[in-house]
Amino acid sequence: MPDPDKRPQLFANRWFFPLAAAYAALILPWSVLGQWGLLAAPAGLQSSLGHAHEMLFGFALAVVAGYVLGPQPRLVTLGLVWLWTLTRLSFLLWPAHWLSLLLQAAFVGALAFKVVPRFVKSAKKWRNKTVAPIITGLCLVAVLFQVLALTKHSHLQHALLLEAVLLISSLMFFMGGRMIAPAVAGHLMKQNRTLEARVQPQLEGLVLIALGLILILNPLPQNWARQVTGSLLLVIALLTLVRTLRWQLWHCGDRPDLLALALGYLWLVVGWALIGVSLIWQLLPLTNALHALTIGALGTLTLSVMARSRLHRVRRDPNAWPATYLAVTLLSLAALVRILGEPQLVSYLVASACWSLAYLSLLWVLLKLALEERQKKKPAG
């Protein structure tokens, strides 16, 4: 029998990133048009809950899978891809059915099984180990959301959505910072500059501890818990802003990939601050505030990470796609339009169009890179 360690390995991002980009470009506008009665849509996209579910547990989890799985045996990668695809189809057609629940549980369970032990074993410091509980929590929330759909507890599903968004924002904070800091330091070194403040472990640790408290307090129904959660969100927004400014990104004008990542990171600051304001003073609808994280931060960071990872692997140049600036600008415009939210129909249509155009352009690049990679692997002659 062949040695399992010597079986052909396949990078998960080669499949999950194009699928995530295609799904993002299609599902968001389809769900918006379906909710407004402008286009026929499957059952899973006819409500705001279905829209949120597929953006968080369909699109976002596909990006997470592509990024954290790394190289896997070919059968494992393709098996997870097919399982993700079947899970999406089942939810779109039968969102409140036991089959959707079983497939969702199977996908997130397989993902956690492949990823979580690796982060637990390889990480030495407690901050590095936080990825494991975050991914575990996200997988559990995805399953619980489906259970609540079966039991018709839509009000609890709405409450669970904020928990899912906060979990994803925690992952973006940690992984985004670990990507930006060394990349900026390396770039400044080429300019004969020294970046002293890199990972900034004290700030990172404080934000991670605060996020842990926020995730515990957020589900509590008491008003004091809402006030404390909002206050902690304002604190971590300020700490993250300080961390970002200390990276001296104004020296990276010739690196659109780093500026795009930084823009997504700053959207985390805006999103946490707006949600905090919404929870404490109700000055902004919570739904509007959430879009700073789901469109601004999640959209910008996932698009930047997918483009940067694949461009670096195939072309050895993360800036080989000049349209990065245009794509992230479209996503920021989409986020601003949805945060302002008036007039409502117009804001939905404009935001979904900007989002879809950004991800269609990313999909074109990813497919082109996949073709280039395949041609490089063909034997000469």
Protein backbone atom coordinates (compact mmCIF):
# COMPACT_ATOMS: atom_id res chain seq x y z
CA MET A 1 0.00 0.00 0.00
CA PRO A 2 1.23 3.54 -0.70
CA ASP A 3 2.65 5.49 2.19
CA PRO A 4 -0.07 7.98 3.33
CA ASP A 5 2.59 10.64 3.91
CA LYS A 6 3.70 10.39 0.26
CA ARG A 7 0.27 10.64 -1.37
CA PRO A 8 -0.20 13.60 -3.75
CA GLN A 9 -1.05 16.77 -1.84
CA LEU A 10 -3.49 19.35 -3.11
CA PHE A 11 -3.70 22.90 -1.76
CA ALA A 12 -7.24 23.49 -0.52
CA ASN A 13 -7.21 27.13 -1.65
CA ARG A 14 -6.90 26.02 -5.29
CA TRP A 15 -10.50 24.79 -5.08
CA PHE A 16 -12.10 26.63 -2.19
CA PHE A 17 -11.02 30.14 -3.21
CA PRO A 18 -12.62 30.11 -6.70
CA LEU A 19 -15.73 28.44 -5.26
CA ALA A 20 -15.95 31.08 -2.52
CA ALA A 21 -15.50 33.93 -5.02
CA ALA A 22 -18.14 32.51 -7.37
CA TYR A 23 -20.55 31.89 -4.51
CA ALA A 24 -20.07 35.40 -3.13
CA ALA A 25 -20.63 36.99 -6.53
CA LEU A 26 -23.82 34.98 -7.13
CA ILE A 27 -25.52 34.46 -3.78
CA LEU A 28 -25.46 37.98 -2.33
CA PRO A 29 -27.24 39.75 -5.22
CA TRP A 30 -29.56 36.76 -5.72
CA SER A 31 -30.65 36.82 -2.09
CA VAL A 32 -31.16 40.60 -2.16
CA LEU A 33 -33.26 40.48 -5.33
CA GLY A 34 -35.16 37.48 -3.97
CA GLN A 35 -36.03 39.22 -0.69
CA TRP A 36 -37.32 42.28 -2.54
CA GLY A 37 -39.41 40.13 -4.89
CA LEU A 38 -37.44 41.23 -7.94
CA LEU A 39 -36.20 37.74 -8.87
CA ALA A 40 -37.27 34.20 -8.07
CA ALA A 41 -34.97 32.69 -5.43
CA PRO A 42 -34.71 29.30 -3.70
CA ALA A 43 -36.18 28.89 -0.22
CA GLY A 44 -32.81 29.38 1.47
CA LEU A 45 -32.42 32.88 0.05
CA GLN A 46 -35.89 34.27 0.65
CA SER A 47 -35.18 35.70 4.10
CA SER A 48 -32.57 37.84 5.80
CA LEU A 49 -31.63 34.83 7.93
CA GLY A 50 -30.92 32.74 4.84
CA HIS A 51 -28.90 35.59 3.34
CA ALA A 52 -26.78 35.90 6.49
CA HIS A 53 -26.41 32.12 6.84
CA GLU A 54 -24.95 31.67 3.37
CA MET A 55 -22.62 34.64 3.64
CA LEU A 56 -21.24 33.52 7.03
CA PHE A 57 -21.45 29.73 6.95
CA GLY A 58 -21.29 29.26 3.18
CA PHE A 59 -18.97 31.90 1.74
CA ALA A 60 -16.87 32.78 4.80
CA LEU A 61 -16.35 29.17 5.88
CA ALA A 62 -15.19 28.29 2.36
CA VAL A 63 -12.51 31.00 2.59
CA VAL A 64 -11.52 29.82 6.07
CA ALA A 65 -11.26 26.23 4.80
CA GLY A 66 -9.13 27.28 1.83
CA TYR A 67 -6.80 29.29 4.03
CA VAL A 68 -6.31 27.09 7.11
CA LEU A 69 -6.38 23.61 5.55
CA GLY A 70 -3.22 24.14 3.48
CA PRO A 71 -2.00 21.13 1.49
CA GLN A 72 -4.05 17.97 2.08
CA PRO A 73 -4.24 14.54 0.41
CA ARG A 74 -6.13 14.92 -2.84
CA LEU A 75 -9.05 12.80 -1.63
CA VAL A 76 -9.40 14.88 1.54
CA THR A 77 -9.43 18.20 -0.32
CA LEU A 78 -11.85 17.07 -3.02
CA GLY A 79 -14.03 15.30 -0.44
CA LEU A 80 -14.37 18.51 1.58
CA VAL A 81 -15.09 20.49 -1.59
CA TRP A 82 -17.91 18.13 -2.56
CA LEU A 83 -19.27 18.12 0.99
CA TRP A 84 -19.30 21.93 1.06
CA THR A 85 -21.08 22.00 -2.32
CA LEU A 86 -23.75 19.50 -1.22
CA THR A 87 -24.23 21.46 2.01
CA ARG A 88 -24.84 24.64 0.06
CA LEU A 89 -27.32 22.98 -2.31
CA SER A 90 -29.25 21.39 0.54
CA PHE A 91 -29.59 24.68 2.41
CA LEU A 92 -30.63 26.62 -0.68
CA LEU A 93 -33.38 24.09 -1.47
CA TRP A 94 -34.36 22.91 2.03
CA PRO A 95 -33.06 25.40 4.62
CA ALA A 96 -35.08 23.95 7.52
CA HIS A 97 -34.59 20.22 6.81
CA TRP A 98 -32.71 17.54 8.71
CA LEU A 99 -30.59 16.84 5.59
CA SER A 100 -29.21 20.39 5.68
CA LEU A 101 -28.39 19.97 9.35
CA LEU A 102 -26.60 16.64 8.80
CA LEU A 103 -24.55 17.95 5.88
CA GLN A 104 -23.64 21.15 7.74
CA ALA A 105 -22.55 19.14 10.77
CA ALA A 106 -20.54 16.79 8.54
CA PHE A 107 -18.72 19.63 6.77
CA VAL A 108 -17.84 21.73 9.81
CA GLY A 109 -17.00 18.58 11.77
CA ALA A 110 -14.57 17.42 9.08
CA LEU A 111 -13.06 20.90 8.85
CA ALA A 112 -12.57 21.13 12.62
CA PHE A 113 -11.13 17.59 12.72
CA LYS A 114 -8.47 18.49 10.13
CA VAL A 115 -7.62 21.96 11.45
CA VAL A 116 -8.15 22.33 15.20
CA PRO A 117 -5.68 19.64 16.44
CA ARG A 118 -2.93 21.15 14.29
CA PHE A 119 -3.30 24.58 15.88
CA VAL A 120 -3.52 23.09 19.37
CA LYS A 121 -0.37 20.98 18.95
CA SER A 122 1.81 23.41 16.99
CA ALA A 123 1.09 26.58 18.97
CA LYS A 124 3.35 27.28 21.93
CA LYS A 125 1.91 30.57 23.25
CA TRP A 126 -1.68 30.96 24.41
CA ARG A 127 -2.34 33.70 21.85
CA ASN A 128 -1.45 31.33 19.02
CA LYS A 129 -3.77 28.68 20.44
CA THR A 130 -6.82 30.98 20.18
CA VAL A 131 -7.36 29.98 16.54
CA ALA A 132 -8.50 26.51 17.67
CA PRO A 133 -11.35 27.64 19.97
CA ILE A 134 -12.42 30.34 17.48
CA ILE A 135 -12.78 27.84 14.63
CA THR A 136 -14.43 25.33 16.98
CA GLY A 137 -16.89 28.00 18.15
CA LEU A 138 -17.68 29.03 14.59
CA CYS A 139 -18.37 25.41 13.61
CA LEU A 140 -20.62 24.90 16.65
CA VAL A 141 -22.57 28.08 15.90
CA ALA A 142 -23.08 26.92 12.30
CA VAL A 143 -24.62 23.67 13.53
CA LEU A 144 -26.69 25.35 16.24
CA PHE A 145 -28.09 27.78 13.68
CA GLN A 146 -29.39 24.81 11.66
CA VAL A 147 -30.88 23.21 14.77
CA LEU A 148 -32.76 26.43 15.52
CA ALA A 149 -34.01 26.51 11.93
CA LEU A 150 -35.48 23.02 12.40
CA THR A 151 -37.13 24.02 15.68
CA LYS A 152 -38.50 27.31 14.23
CA HIS A 153 -36.70 29.58 16.74
CA SER A 154 -35.98 32.44 14.33
CA HIS A 155 -35.55 35.00 17.15
CA LEU A 156 -32.70 32.91 18.58
CA GLN A 157 -31.19 32.60 15.10
CA HIS A 158 -31.05 36.39 14.85
CA ALA A 159 -29.30 36.56 18.23
CA LEU A 160 -26.83 33.88 17.13
CA LEU A 161 -25.83 35.83 14.01
CA LEU A 162 -24.01 38.50 16.04
CA GLU A 163 -22.07 35.76 17.83
CA ALA A 164 -21.03 34.30 14.45
CA VAL A 165 -19.96 37.72 13.15
CA LEU A 166 -17.91 38.36 16.30
CA LEU A 167 -16.22 34.96 16.00
CA ILE A 168 -15.29 35.64 12.38
CA SER A 169 -14.03 39.13 13.30
CA SER A 170 -11.83 37.53 16.00
CA LEU A 171 -10.32 35.23 13.38
CA MET A 172 -9.75 38.16 11.01
CA PHE A 173 -8.09 40.17 13.78
CA PHE A 174 -5.64 37.41 14.67
CA MET A 175 -4.80 36.08 11.21
CA GLY A 176 -4.88 39.48 9.54
CA GLY A 177 -2.42 40.87 12.07
CA ARG A 178 -0.10 37.89 11.72
CA MET A 179 -0.12 38.42 7.94
CA ILE A 180 0.26 42.20 7.83
CA ALA A 181 2.92 42.74 10.51
CA PRO A 182 5.76 40.60 9.05
CA ALA A 183 4.93 41.62 5.48
CA VAL A 184 5.14 45.33 6.33
CA ALA A 185 8.33 44.79 8.35
CA GLY A 186 9.95 43.00 5.40
CA HIS A 187 8.90 45.76 3.00
CA LEU A 188 10.23 48.52 5.26
CA MET A 189 13.50 46.66 5.64
CA LYS A 190 13.98 46.94 1.87
CA GLN A 191 13.63 50.71 2.33
CA ASN A 192 16.31 50.65 5.06
CA ARG A 193 13.66 51.30 7.70
CA THR A 194 13.10 49.33 10.89
CA LEU A 195 9.65 48.45 12.16
CA GLU A 196 9.88 47.98 15.91
CA ALA A 197 6.16 47.44 16.51
CA ARG A 198 5.36 44.23 14.65
CA VAL A 199 2.95 41.70 16.19
CA GLN A 200 2.67 43.84 19.36
CA PRO A 201 1.87 40.88 21.65
CA GLN A 202 0.57 43.01 24.54
CA LEU A 203 -2.02 44.75 22.37
CA GLU A 204 -2.89 41.53 20.59
CA GLY A 205 -3.34 39.73 23.90
CA LEU A 206 -5.56 42.46 25.36
CA VAL A 207 -7.82 42.45 22.31
CA LEU A 208 -8.08 38.64 22.31
CA ILE A 209 -8.97 38.60 26.03
CA ALA A 210 -11.59 41.33 25.49
CA LEU A 211 -13.02 39.44 22.52
CA GLY A 212 -13.32 36.34 24.67
CA LEU A 213 -15.32 38.33 27.25
CA ILE A 214 -17.46 39.83 24.49
CA LEU A 215 -18.29 36.38 23.11
CA ILE A 216 -19.35 35.25 26.60
CA LEU A 217 -21.42 38.37 27.38
CA ASN A 218 -23.06 38.85 24.00
CA PRO A 219 -25.64 36.01 24.30
CA LEU A 220 -26.83 37.25 27.73
CA PRO A 221 -30.21 39.03 27.55
CA GLN A 222 -29.60 41.51 30.41
CA ASN A 223 -29.17 45.20 29.57
CA TRP A 224 -25.97 45.46 31.63
CA ALA A 225 -24.39 42.73 29.48
CA ARG A 226 -25.34 44.70 26.36
CA GLN A 227 -23.75 47.86 27.80
CA VAL A 228 -20.53 46.09 28.82
CA THR A 229 -20.31 44.31 25.44
CA GLY A 230 -20.67 47.64 23.63
CA SER A 231 -18.05 49.29 25.85
CA LEU A 232 -15.56 46.46 25.30
CA LEU A 233 -16.11 46.71 21.54
CA LEU A 234 -15.20 50.40 21.65
CA VAL A 235 -12.07 49.55 23.63
CA ILE A 236 -10.86 46.88 21.20
CA ALA A 237 -11.63 49.18 18.28
CA LEU A 238 -9.30 51.79 19.79
CA LEU A 239 -6.58 49.24 20.60
CA THR A 240 -6.73 47.81 17.06
CA LEU A 241 -6.50 51.31 15.58
CA VAL A 242 -3.38 51.99 17.65
CA ARG A 243 -1.88 48.65 16.55
CA THR A 244 -2.57 49.43 12.88
CA LEU A 245 -1.11 52.95 13.04
CA ARG A 246 2.10 51.61 14.62
CA TRP A 247 2.70 49.50 11.47
CA GLN A 248 3.57 52.74 9.56
CA LEU A 249 1.56 51.72 6.50
CA TRP A 250 2.09 55.13 4.92
CA HIS A 251 5.45 53.77 3.74
CA CYS A 252 3.68 51.03 1.69
CA GLY A 253 2.25 53.14 -1.14
CA ASP A 254 3.90 50.86 -3.70
CA ARG A 255 2.35 47.71 -2.19
CA PRO A 256 -1.38 47.58 -3.02
CA ASP A 257 -1.62 44.09 -1.52
CA LEU A 258 -0.56 45.40 1.90
CA LEU A 259 -2.75 48.50 1.65
CA ALA A 260 -5.75 46.32 0.75
CA LEU A 261 -5.14 44.12 3.80
CA ALA A 262 -4.74 47.22 5.97
CA LEU A 263 -8.01 48.65 4.67
CA GLY A 264 -9.81 45.46 5.63
CA TYR A 265 -8.17 45.61 9.06
CA LEU A 266 -9.33 49.20 9.55
CA TRP A 267 -12.86 48.09 8.68
CA LEU A 268 -12.62 45.85 11.75
CA VAL A 269 -12.04 49.02 13.78
CA VAL A 270 -15.04 50.75 12.18
CA GLY A 271 -17.26 47.70 12.54
CA TRP A 272 -16.50 47.09 16.23
CA ALA A 273 -16.93 50.80 16.99
CA LEU A 274 -20.29 51.04 15.18
CA ILE A 275 -21.63 47.88 16.83
CA GLY A 276 -20.50 49.24 20.20
CA VAL A 277 -22.32 52.53 19.55
CA SER A 278 -25.40 50.62 18.42
CA LEU A 279 -25.47 48.44 21.55
CA ILE A 280 -24.88 51.28 24.03
CA TRP A 281 -26.81 54.22 22.57
CA GLN A 282 -28.89 52.73 19.71
CA LEU A 283 -27.75 55.58 17.44
CA LEU A 284 -27.52 53.22 14.47
CA PRO A 285 -29.51 50.10 13.62
CA LEU A 286 -27.48 47.03 14.56
CA THR A 287 -28.06 45.52 11.11
CA ASN A 288 -26.41 48.53 9.46
CA ALA A 289 -23.49 48.42 11.89
CA LEU A 290 -22.93 44.71 11.24
CA HIS A 291 -22.32 45.40 7.56
CA ALA A 292 -19.14 47.28 8.43
CA LEU A 293 -17.78 43.89 9.52
CA THR A 294 -19.52 41.59 7.02
CA ILE A 295 -18.95 43.71 3.90
CA GLY A 296 -16.12 46.08 4.86
CA ALA A 297 -13.84 43.82 6.92
CA LEU A 298 -14.87 40.33 5.80
CA GLY A 299 -15.25 41.30 2.16
CA THR A 300 -12.01 43.27 1.89
CA LEU A 301 -9.85 40.87 3.90
CA THR A 302 -11.11 37.69 2.22
CA LEU A 303 -10.75 39.15 -1.27
CA SER A 304 -7.26 40.46 -0.47
CA VAL A 305 -6.13 37.20 1.13
CA MET A 306 -7.45 35.04 -1.71
CA ALA A 307 -5.87 37.22 -4.40
CA ARG A 308 -2.58 37.64 -2.54
CA SER A 309 -2.18 33.94 -1.67
CA ARG A 310 -2.82 32.66 -5.17
CA LEU A 311 -0.81 35.39 -6.93
CA HIS A 312 2.17 34.73 -4.68
CA ARG A 313 2.01 30.99 -5.27
CA VAL A 314 1.53 31.04 -9.05
CA ARG A 315 3.34 34.22 -10.14
CA ARG A 316 5.54 34.87 -7.09
CA ASP A 317 4.19 38.43 -7.12
CA PRO A 318 1.27 39.36 -4.83
CA ASN A 319 0.85 42.61 -6.78
CA ALA A 320 0.44 41.05 -10.21
CA TRP A 321 -3.26 41.99 -10.21
CA PRO A 322 -3.50 45.80 -10.59
CA ALA A 323 -7.28 45.73 -10.16
CA THR A 324 -6.84 45.10 -6.42
CA TYR A 325 -7.39 48.78 -5.73
CA LEU A 326 -10.61 48.84 -7.77
CA ALA A 327 -11.99 45.68 -6.15
CA VAL A 328 -11.39 46.81 -2.56
CA THR A 329 -12.75 50.28 -3.40
CA LEU A 330 -15.98 48.65 -4.63
CA LEU A 331 -16.25 46.68 -1.39
CA SER A 332 -15.70 49.79 0.74
CA LEU A 333 -18.35 51.60 -1.29
CA ALA A 334 -20.73 48.68 -0.75
CA ALA A 335 -20.09 48.81 3.02
CA LEU A 336 -20.63 52.58 3.23
CA VAL A 337 -23.87 52.37 1.25
CA ARG A 338 -25.27 49.64 3.51
CA ILE A 339 -24.19 51.41 6.71
CA LEU A 340 -26.00 54.58 5.65
CA GLY A 341 -28.87 52.43 4.40
CA GLU A 342 -31.12 55.09 2.84
CA PRO A 343 -33.02 54.86 0.57
CA GLN A 344 -33.26 51.19 1.51
CA LEU A 345 -33.91 49.48 -1.82
CA VAL A 346 -31.34 51.61 -3.62
CA SER A 347 -28.72 50.91 -0.95
CA TYR A 348 -29.32 47.16 -1.21
CA LEU A 349 -29.05 47.18 -4.99
CA VAL A 350 -25.97 49.41 -5.17
CA ALA A 351 -24.16 47.50 -2.42
CA SER A 352 -24.91 44.09 -3.95
CA ALA A 353 -23.80 45.27 -7.40
CA CYS A 354 -20.47 46.60 -6.03
CA TRP A 355 -19.89 43.39 -4.05
CA SER A 356 -20.69 41.16 -7.02
CA LEU A 357 -18.45 43.09 -9.42
CA ALA A 358 -15.54 42.90 -6.96
CA TYR A 359 -15.85 39.14 -6.56
CA LEU A 360 -16.46 38.49 -10.25
CA SER A 361 -13.16 40.23 -10.98
CA LEU A 362 -11.48 38.10 -8.31
CA LEU A 363 -13.02 34.94 -9.77
CA TRP A 364 -11.62 35.79 -13.21
CA VAL A 365 -8.12 36.20 -11.73
CA LEU A 366 -8.35 32.98 -9.70
CA LEU A 367 -9.48 30.93 -12.70
CA LYS A 368 -6.74 32.43 -14.83
CA LEU A 369 -4.15 31.56 -12.18
CA ALA A 370 -5.49 28.02 -11.89
CA LEU A 371 -5.05 27.57 -15.66
CA GLU A 372 -1.51 28.97 -15.50
CA GLU A 373 -0.64 26.65 -12.62
CA ARG A 374 -1.98 23.65 -14.51
CA GLN A 375 0.00 24.53 -17.63
CA LYS A 376 3.21 24.86 -15.59
CA LYS A 377 2.75 21.33 -14.26
CA LYS A 378 2.38 19.78 -17.71
CA PRO A 379 5.53 17.96 -18.81
CA ALA A 380 7.41 19.68 -21.63
CA GLY A 381 7.03 18.16 -25.08
